[in-house]
């Protein structure tokens, strides 16, 4: 586990949980996973972002920041999800 955080979405105040962790995949080597989850109207919403993060090709800081920006944009206030 690299990082865990909790935030409230803008207008709705829904709690959004965010995780960043690394896994060693047997098919793809080291990967960094960015995940977010929240519950709204008895539905669970999940976002998972996977990126290669091996020694030969580490995740660049600029790319990590871009992925975190996408992760932080995931909430009920900014998107309309299908029912």
PDB file of N, CA and C in Angstrom:
ATOM      1  N   UNK A   1       0.852  -1.158   0.000  1.00  0.00           N
ATOM      2  CA  UNK A   1       0.000   0.000   0.000  1.00  0.00           C
ATOM      3  C   UNK A   1       0.905   1.229   0.000  1.00  0.00           C
ATOM      4  N   UNK A   2       0.665   2.113  -0.960  1.00  0.00           N
ATOM      5  CA  UNK A   2       1.441   3.350  -1.065  1.00  0.00           C
ATOM      6  C   UNK A   2       0.720   4.484  -0.347  1.00  0.00           C
ATOM      7  N   UNK A   3      -0.591   4.611  -0.576  1.00  0.00           N
ATOM      8  CA  UNK A   3      -1.345   5.706   0.046  1.00  0.00           C
ATOM      9  C   UNK A   3      -2.822   5.340   0.154  1.00  0.00           C
ATOM     10  N   UNK A   4      -3.464   5.871   1.191  1.00  0.00           N
ATOM     11  CA  UNK A   4      -4.906   5.724   1.399  1.00  0.00           C
ATOM     12  C   UNK A   4      -5.432   7.087   1.818  1.00  0.00           C
ATOM     13  N   UNK A   5      -6.563   7.499   1.236  1.00  0.00           N
ATOM     14  CA  UNK A   5      -7.145   8.776   1.644  1.00  0.00           C
ATOM     15  C   UNK A   5      -8.662   8.713   1.523  1.00  0.00           C
ATOM     16  N   UNK A   6      -9.288   9.664   2.155  1.00  0.00           N
ATOM     17  CA  UNK A   6     -10.741   9.798   2.125  1.00  0.00           C
ATOM     18  C   UNK A   6     -11.047  11.272   1.897  1.00  0.00           C
ATOM     19  N   UNK A   7     -12.018  11.533   1.033  1.00  0.00           N
ATOM     20  CA  UNK A   7     -12.404  12.921   0.778  1.00  0.00           C
ATOM     21  C   UNK A   7     -13.909  12.972   0.600  1.00  0.00           C
ATOM     22  N   UNK A   8     -14.440  14.156   0.692  1.00  0.00           N
ATOM     23  CA  UNK A   8     -15.868  14.361   0.434  1.00  0.00           C
ATOM     24  C   UNK A   8     -16.017  14.997  -0.939  1.00  0.00           C
ATOM     25  N   UNK A   9     -16.980  14.483  -1.707  1.00  0.00           N
ATOM     26  CA  UNK A   9     -17.234  15.071  -3.019  1.00  0.00           C
ATOM     27  C   UNK A   9     -17.816  16.462  -2.828  1.00  0.00           C
ATOM     28  N   UNK A  10     -17.744  17.263  -3.873  1.00  0.00           N
ATOM     29  CA  UNK A  10     -18.149  18.664  -3.810  1.00  0.00           C
ATOM     30  C   UNK A  10     -19.494  18.940  -3.192  1.00  0.00           C
ATOM     31  N   UNK A  11     -20.545  18.961  -3.976  1.00  0.00           N
ATOM     32  CA  UNK A  11     -21.866  19.387  -3.508  1.00  0.00           C
ATOM     33  C   UNK A  11     -22.580  18.322  -2.683  1.00  0.00           C
ATOM     34  N   UNK A  12     -22.454  17.072  -3.083  1.00  0.00           N
ATOM     35  CA  UNK A  12     -23.205  16.009  -2.425  1.00  0.00           C
ATOM     36  C   UNK A  12     -22.642  15.561  -1.098  1.00  0.00           C
ATOM     37  N   UNK A  13     -21.386  15.821  -0.840  1.00  0.00           N
ATOM     38  CA  UNK A  13     -20.772  15.416   0.406  1.00  0.00           C
ATOM     39  C   UNK A  13     -20.589  13.920   0.557  1.00  0.00           C
ATOM     40  N   UNK A  14     -20.626  13.190  -0.552  1.00  0.00           N
ATOM     41  CA  UNK A  14     -20.433  11.745  -0.519  1.00  0.00           C
ATOM     42  C   UNK A  14     -18.965  11.457  -0.215  1.00  0.00           C
ATOM     43  N   UNK A  15     -18.715  10.479   0.656  1.00  0.00           N
ATOM     44  CA  UNK A  15     -17.349  10.096   0.967  1.00  0.00           C
ATOM     45  C   UNK A  15     -16.777   9.268  -0.178  1.00  0.00           C
ATOM     46  N   UNK A  16     -15.606   9.674  -0.655  1.00  0.00           N
ATOM     47  CA  UNK A  16     -14.897   8.962  -1.710  1.00  0.00           C
ATOM     48  C   UNK A  16     -13.603   8.443  -1.101  1.00  0.00           C
ATOM     49  N   UNK A  17     -13.361   7.147  -1.253  1.00  0.00           N
ATOM     50  CA  UNK A  17     -12.161   6.516  -0.713  1.00  0.00           C
ATOM     51  C   UNK A  17     -11.179   6.279  -1.857  1.00  0.00           C
ATOM     52  N   UNK A  18      -9.923   6.647  -1.643  1.00  0.00           N
ATOM     53  CA  UNK A  18      -8.899   6.512  -2.679  1.00  0.00           C
ATOM     54  C   UNK A  18      -7.736   5.673  -2.153  1.00  0.00           C
ATOM     55  N   UNK A  19      -7.195   4.836  -3.038  1.00  0.00           N
ATOM     56  CA  UNK A  19      -6.091   3.943  -2.690  1.00  0.00           C
ATOM     57  C   UNK A  19      -5.046   3.983  -3.797  1.00  0.00           C
ATOM     58  N   UNK A  20      -3.801   3.865  -3.400  1.00  0.00           N
ATOM     59  CA  UNK A  20      -2.701   3.710  -4.348  1.00  0.00           C
ATOM     60  C   UNK A  20      -1.845   2.571  -3.817  1.00  0.00           C
ATOM     61  N   UNK A  21      -1.606   1.567  -4.668  1.00  0.00           N
ATOM     62  CA  UNK A  21      -0.804   0.430  -4.227  1.00  0.00           C
ATOM     63  C   UNK A  21      -0.060  -0.174  -5.409  1.00  0.00           C
ATOM     64  N   UNK A  22       0.918  -1.031  -5.102  1.00  0.00           N
ATOM     65  CA  UNK A  22       1.700  -1.714  -6.125  1.00  0.00           C
ATOM     66  C   UNK A  22       1.433  -3.209  -6.034  1.00  0.00           C
ATOM     67  N   UNK A  23       1.418  -3.844  -7.205  1.00  0.00           N
ATOM     68  CA  UNK A  23       1.295  -5.298  -7.261  1.00  0.00           C
ATOM     69  C   UNK A  23       2.341  -5.835  -8.223  1.00  0.00           C
ATOM     70  N   UNK A  24       2.734  -7.078  -8.004  1.00  0.00           N
ATOM     71  CA  UNK A  24       3.654  -7.761  -8.907  1.00  0.00           C
ATOM     72  C   UNK A  24       2.839  -8.783  -9.676  1.00  0.00           C
ATOM     73  N   UNK A  25       2.502  -8.446 -10.903  1.00  0.00           N
ATOM     74  CA  UNK A  25       1.661  -9.293 -11.734  1.00  0.00           C
ATOM     75  C   UNK A  25       2.508 -10.352 -12.432  1.00  0.00           C
ATOM     76  N   UNK A  26       2.020 -11.580 -12.473  1.00  0.00           N
ATOM     77  CA  UNK A  26       2.766 -12.648 -13.140  1.00  0.00           C
ATOM     78  C   UNK A  26       2.806 -12.444 -14.654  1.00  0.00           C
ATOM     79  N   UNK A  27       1.870 -11.675 -15.201  1.00  0.00           N
ATOM     80  CA  UNK A  27       1.842 -11.455 -16.651  1.00  0.00           C
ATOM     81  C   UNK A  27       2.387 -10.107 -17.079  1.00  0.00           C
ATOM     82  N   UNK A  28       2.491  -9.157 -16.161  1.00  0.00           N
ATOM     83  CA  UNK A  28       2.904  -7.828 -16.588  1.00  0.00           C
ATOM     84  C   UNK A  28       3.945  -7.165 -15.718  1.00  0.00           C
ATOM     85  N   UNK A  29       4.491  -7.881 -14.756  1.00  0.00           N
ATOM     86  CA  UNK A  29       5.485  -7.286 -13.875  1.00  0.00           C
ATOM     87  C   UNK A  29       4.848  -6.337 -12.873  1.00  0.00           C
ATOM     88  N   UNK A  30       5.647  -5.398 -12.382  1.00  0.00           N
ATOM     89  CA  UNK A  30       5.167  -4.453 -11.370  1.00  0.00           C
ATOM     90  C   UNK A  30       4.164  -3.476 -11.982  1.00  0.00           C
ATOM     91  N   UNK A  31       3.078  -3.264 -11.251  1.00  0.00           N
ATOM     92  CA  UNK A  31       2.061  -2.297 -11.668  1.00  0.00           C
ATOM     93  C   UNK A  31       1.701  -1.432 -10.475  1.00  0.00           C
ATOM     94  N   UNK A  32       1.373  -0.194 -10.773  1.00  0.00           N
ATOM     95  CA  UNK A  32       0.851   0.704  -9.748  1.00  0.00           C
ATOM     96  C   UNK A  32      -0.639   0.858 -10.021  1.00  0.00           C
ATOM     97  N   UNK A  33      -1.432   0.690  -8.989  1.00  0.00           N
ATOM     98  CA  UNK A  33      -2.881   0.760  -9.103  1.00  0.00           C
ATOM     99  C   UNK A  33      -3.380   1.979  -8.338  1.00  0.00           C
ATOM    100  N   UNK A  34      -4.227   2.757  -8.991  1.00  0.00           N
ATOM    101  CA  UNK A  34      -4.923   3.877  -8.368  1.00  0.00           C
ATOM    102  C   UNK A  34      -6.401   3.492  -8.375  1.00  0.00           C
ATOM    103  N   UNK A  35      -7.038   3.523  -7.218  1.00  0.00           N
ATOM    104  CA  UNK A  35      -8.434   3.100  -7.126  1.00  0.00           C
ATOM    105  C   UNK A  35      -9.236   4.104  -6.307  1.00  0.00           C
ATOM    106  N   UNK A  36     -10.507   4.262  -6.680  1.00  0.00           N
ATOM    107  CA  UNK A  36     -11.425   5.117  -5.926  1.00  0.00           C
ATOM    108  C   UNK A  36     -12.765   4.398  -5.841  1.00  0.00           C
ATOM    109  N   UNK A  37     -13.475   4.641  -4.741  1.00  0.00           N
ATOM    110  CA  UNK A  37     -14.773   3.998  -4.542  1.00  0.00           C
ATOM    111  C   UNK A  37     -15.692   4.921  -3.754  1.00  0.00           C
ATOM    112  N   UNK A  38     -16.978   4.886  -4.120  1.00  0.00           N
ATOM    113  CA  UNK A  38     -17.993   5.568  -3.320  1.00  0.00           C
ATOM    114  C   UNK A  38     -19.333   4.877  -3.520  1.00  0.00           C
ATOM    115  N   UNK A  39     -20.261   5.138  -2.603  1.00  0.00           N
ATOM    116  CA  UNK A  39     -21.607   4.577  -2.671  1.00  0.00           C
ATOM    117  C   UNK A  39     -22.588   5.730  -2.786  1.00  0.00           C
ATOM    118  N   UNK A  40     -23.513   5.604  -3.735  1.00  0.00           N
ATOM    119  CA  UNK A  40     -24.572   6.593  -3.909  1.00  0.00           C
ATOM    120  C   UNK A  40     -25.838   5.866  -4.337  1.00  0.00           C
ATOM    121  N   UNK A  41     -26.941   6.175  -3.716  1.00  0.00           N
ATOM    122  CA  UNK A  41     -28.235   5.543  -4.025  1.00  0.00           C
ATOM    123  C   UNK A  41     -28.136   4.021  -3.996  1.00  0.00           C
ATOM    124  N   UNK A  42     -27.459   3.500  -2.992  1.00  0.00           N
ATOM    125  CA  UNK A  42     -27.289   2.052  -2.808  1.00  0.00           C
ATOM    126  C   UNK A  42     -26.539   1.380  -3.949  1.00  0.00           C
ATOM    127  N   UNK A  43     -25.737   2.137  -4.687  1.00  0.00           N
ATOM    128  CA  UNK A  43     -24.910   1.583  -5.759  1.00  0.00           C
ATOM    129  C   UNK A  43     -23.455   1.877  -5.454  1.00  0.00           C
ATOM    130  N   UNK A  44     -22.607   0.879  -5.716  1.00  0.00           N
ATOM    131  CA  UNK A  44     -21.171   1.019  -5.512  1.00  0.00           C
ATOM    132  C   UNK A  44     -20.523   1.429  -6.828  1.00  0.00           C
ATOM    133  N   UNK A  45     -19.768   2.527  -6.807  1.00  0.00           N
ATOM    134  CA  UNK A  45     -19.057   3.019  -7.977  1.00  0.00           C
ATOM    135  C   UNK A  45     -17.567   2.835  -7.737  1.00  0.00           C
ATOM    136  N   UNK A  46     -16.874   2.228  -8.714  1.00  0.00           N
ATOM    137  CA  UNK A  46     -15.446   1.950  -8.603  1.00  0.00           C
ATOM    138  C   UNK A  46     -14.703   2.485  -9.813  1.00  0.00           C
ATOM    139  N   UNK A  47     -13.507   2.979  -9.573  1.00  0.00           N
ATOM    140  CA  UNK A  47     -12.595   3.368 -10.646  1.00  0.00           C
ATOM    141  C   UNK A  47     -11.253   2.734 -10.333  1.00  0.00           C
ATOM    142  N   UNK A  48     -10.693   1.998 -11.290  1.00  0.00           N
ATOM    143  CA  UNK A  48      -9.365   1.416 -11.148  1.00  0.00           C
ATOM    144  C   UNK A  48      -8.511   1.844 -12.327  1.00  0.00           C
ATOM    145  N   UNK A  49      -7.328   2.334 -12.019  1.00  0.00           N
ATOM    146  CA  UNK A  49      -6.369   2.734 -13.044  1.00  0.00           C
ATOM    147  C   UNK A  49      -5.107   1.923 -12.804  1.00  0.00           C
ATOM    148  N   UNK A  50      -4.633   1.197 -13.814  1.00  0.00           N
ATOM    149  CA  UNK A  50      -3.414   0.397 -13.691  1.00  0.00           C
ATOM    150  C   UNK A  50      -2.357   0.954 -14.630  1.00  0.00           C
ATOM    151  N   UNK A  51      -1.125   1.031 -14.139  1.00  0.00           N
ATOM    152  CA  UNK A  51      -0.017   1.537 -14.945  1.00  0.00           C
ATOM    153  C   UNK A  51       1.231   0.728 -14.634  1.00  0.00           C
ATOM    154  N   UNK A  52       1.999   0.371 -15.663  1.00  0.00           N
ATOM    155  CA  UNK A  52       3.270  -0.333 -15.450  1.00  0.00           C
ATOM    156  C   UNK A  52       4.197   0.527 -14.610  1.00  0.00           C
ATOM    157  N   UNK A  53       4.914  -0.130 -13.687  1.00  0.00           N
ATOM    158  CA  UNK A  53       5.795   0.607 -12.781  1.00  0.00           C
ATOM    159  C   UNK A  53       7.024  -0.238 -12.443  1.00  0.00           C
ATOM    160  N   UNK A  54       7.645  -0.806 -13.468  1.00  0.00           N
ATOM    161  CA  UNK A  54       8.808  -1.656 -13.253  1.00  0.00           C
ATOM    162  C   UNK A  54      10.096  -0.870 -13.129  1.00  0.00           C
ATOM    163  N   UNK A  55      11.159  -1.564 -12.745  1.00  0.00           N
ATOM    164  CA  UNK A  55      12.469  -0.926 -12.606  1.00  0.00           C
ATOM    165  C   UNK A  55      12.971  -0.377 -13.936  1.00  0.00           C
ATOM    166  N   UNK A  56      12.693  -1.104 -15.020  1.00  0.00           N
ATOM    167  CA  UNK A  56      13.156  -0.668 -16.337  1.00  0.00           C
ATOM    168  C   UNK A  56      12.303   0.451 -16.917  1.00  0.00           C
ATOM    169  N   UNK A  57      11.098   0.617 -16.397  1.00  0.00           N
ATOM    170  CA  UNK A  57      10.183   1.637 -16.910  1.00  0.00           C
ATOM    171  C   UNK A  57       9.352   2.206 -15.757  1.00  0.00           C
ATOM    172  N   UNK A  58       9.975   2.954 -14.837  1.00  0.00           N
ATOM    173  CA  UNK A  58       9.230   3.466 -13.677  1.00  0.00           C
ATOM    174  C   UNK A  58       8.215   4.538 -14.069  1.00  0.00           C
ATOM    175  N   UNK A  59       7.208   4.672 -13.246  1.00  0.00           N
ATOM    176  CA  UNK A  59       6.164   5.675 -13.456  1.00  0.00           C
ATOM    177  C   UNK A  59       6.748   7.066 -13.235  1.00  0.00           C
ATOM    178  N   UNK A  60       6.710   7.891 -14.273  1.00  0.00           N
ATOM    179  CA  UNK A  60       7.259   9.252 -14.191  1.00  0.00           C
ATOM    180  C   UNK A  60       6.377  10.114 -13.283  1.00  0.00           C
ATOM    181  N   UNK A  61       6.976  11.048 -12.540  1.00  0.00           N
ATOM    182  CA  UNK A  61       6.191  11.916 -11.647  1.00  0.00           C
ATOM    183  C   UNK A  61       5.080  12.682 -12.366  1.00  0.00           C
ATOM    184  N   UNK A  62       5.342  13.143 -13.592  1.00  0.00           N
ATOM    185  CA  UNK A  62       4.316  13.879 -14.342  1.00  0.00           C
ATOM    186  C   UNK A  62       3.130  12.972 -14.663  1.00  0.00           C
ATOM    187  N   UNK A  63       3.416  11.724 -15.046  1.00  0.00           N
ATOM    188  CA  UNK A  63       2.351  10.766 -15.366  1.00  0.00           C
ATOM    189  C   UNK A  63       1.558  10.432 -14.101  1.00  0.00           C
ATOM    190  N   UNK A  64       2.264  10.236 -12.983  1.00  0.00           N
ATOM    191  CA  UNK A  64       1.588   9.950 -11.714  1.00  0.00           C
ATOM    192  C   UNK A  64       0.635  11.088 -11.356  1.00  0.00           C
ATOM    193  N   UNK A  65       1.091  12.327 -11.506  1.00  0.00           N
ATOM    194  CA  UNK A  65       0.237  13.482 -11.208  1.00  0.00           C
ATOM    195  C   UNK A  65      -0.997  13.512 -12.100  1.00  0.00           C
ATOM    196  N   UNK A  66      -0.825  13.165 -13.381  1.00  0.00           N
ATOM    197  CA  UNK A  66      -1.969  13.117 -14.302  1.00  0.00           C
ATOM    198  C   UNK A  66      -2.968  12.044 -13.878  1.00  0.00           C
ATOM    199  N   UNK A  67      -2.460  10.876 -13.477  1.00  0.00           N
ATOM    200  CA  UNK A  67      -3.344   9.796 -13.043  1.00  0.00           C
ATOM    201  C   UNK A  67      -4.068  10.163 -11.745  1.00  0.00           C
ATOM    202  N   UNK A  68      -3.371  10.842 -10.845  1.00  0.00           N
ATOM    203  CA  UNK A  68      -4.015  11.297  -9.608  1.00  0.00           C
ATOM    204  C   UNK A  68      -5.100  12.334  -9.893  1.00  0.00           C
ATOM    205  N   UNK A  69      -4.879  13.166 -10.890  1.00  0.00           N
ATOM    206  CA  UNK A  69      -5.894  14.158 -11.270  1.00  0.00           C
ATOM    207  C   UNK A  69      -7.170  13.464 -11.743  1.00  0.00           C
ATOM    208  N   UNK A  70      -7.003  12.410 -12.552  1.00  0.00           N
ATOM    209  CA  UNK A  70      -8.162  11.630 -12.996  1.00  0.00           C
ATOM    210  C   UNK A  70      -8.846  10.986 -11.792  1.00  0.00           C
ATOM    211  N   UNK A  71      -8.045  10.408 -10.898  1.00  0.00           N
ATOM    212  CA  UNK A  71      -8.595   9.761  -9.710  1.00  0.00           C
ATOM    213  C   UNK A  71      -9.400  10.743  -8.861  1.00  0.00           C
ATOM    214  N   UNK A  72      -8.871  11.930  -8.654  1.00  0.00           N
ATOM    215  CA  UNK A  72      -9.540  12.938  -7.824  1.00  0.00           C
ATOM    216  C   UNK A  72     -10.804  13.499  -8.486  1.00  0.00           C
ATOM    217  N   UNK A  73     -10.928  13.348  -9.803  1.00  0.00           N
ATOM    218  CA  UNK A  73     -12.118  13.858 -10.498  1.00  0.00           C
ATOM    219  C   UNK A  73     -13.305  12.900 -10.381  1.00  0.00           C
ATOM    220  N   UNK A  74     -13.072  11.716  -9.851  1.00  0.00           N
ATOM    221  CA  UNK A  74     -14.109  10.683  -9.773  1.00  0.00           C
ATOM    222  C   UNK A  74     -15.015  10.929  -8.574  1.00  0.00           C
ATOM    223  N   UNK A  75     -16.197  11.489  -8.828  1.00  0.00           N
ATOM    224  CA  UNK A  75     -17.221  11.631  -7.793  1.00  0.00           C
ATOM    225  C   UNK A  75     -18.571  11.859  -8.446  1.00  0.00           C
ATOM    226  N   UNK A  76     -19.600  11.864  -7.652  1.00  0.00           N
ATOM    227  CA  UNK A  76     -20.967  11.950  -8.169  1.00  0.00           C
ATOM    228  C   UNK A  76     -21.312  13.337  -8.686  1.00  0.00           C
ATOM    229  N   UNK A  77     -20.673  14.371  -8.174  1.00  0.00           N
ATOM    230  CA  UNK A  77     -21.031  15.740  -8.531  1.00  0.00           C
ATOM    231  C   UNK A  77     -20.640  16.115  -9.952  1.00  0.00           C
ATOM    232  N   UNK A  78     -19.572  15.520 -10.465  1.00  0.00           N
ATOM    233  CA  UNK A  78     -19.057  15.939 -11.764  1.00  0.00           C
ATOM    234  C   UNK A  78     -19.499  15.037 -12.907  1.00  0.00           C
ATOM    235  N   UNK A  79     -20.138  13.934 -12.606  1.00  0.00           N
ATOM    236  CA  UNK A  79     -20.475  12.973 -13.651  1.00  0.00           C
ATOM    237  C   UNK A  79     -21.924  12.527 -13.509  1.00  0.00           C
ATOM    238  N   UNK A  80     -22.500  12.116 -14.598  1.00  0.00           N
ATOM    239  CA  UNK A  80     -23.820  11.507 -14.605  1.00  0.00           C
ATOM    240  C   UNK A  80     -23.625  10.035 -14.940  1.00  0.00           C
ATOM    241  N   UNK A  81     -23.901   9.158 -14.006  1.00  0.00           N
ATOM    242  CA  UNK A  81     -23.726   7.729 -14.215  1.00  0.00           C
ATOM    243  C   UNK A  81     -25.055   7.113 -14.607  1.00  0.00           C
ATOM    244  N   UNK A  82     -24.987   6.115 -15.458  1.00  0.00           N
ATOM    245  CA  UNK A  82     -26.196   5.432 -15.922  1.00  0.00           C
ATOM    246  C   UNK A  82     -26.826   4.645 -14.776  1.00  0.00           C
ATOM    247  N   UNK A  83     -28.130   4.583 -14.771  1.00  0.00           N
ATOM    248  CA  UNK A  83     -28.843   3.824 -13.719  1.00  0.00           C
ATOM    249  C   UNK A  83     -28.937   2.377 -14.098  1.00  0.00           C
TER     250      UNK A  83
END
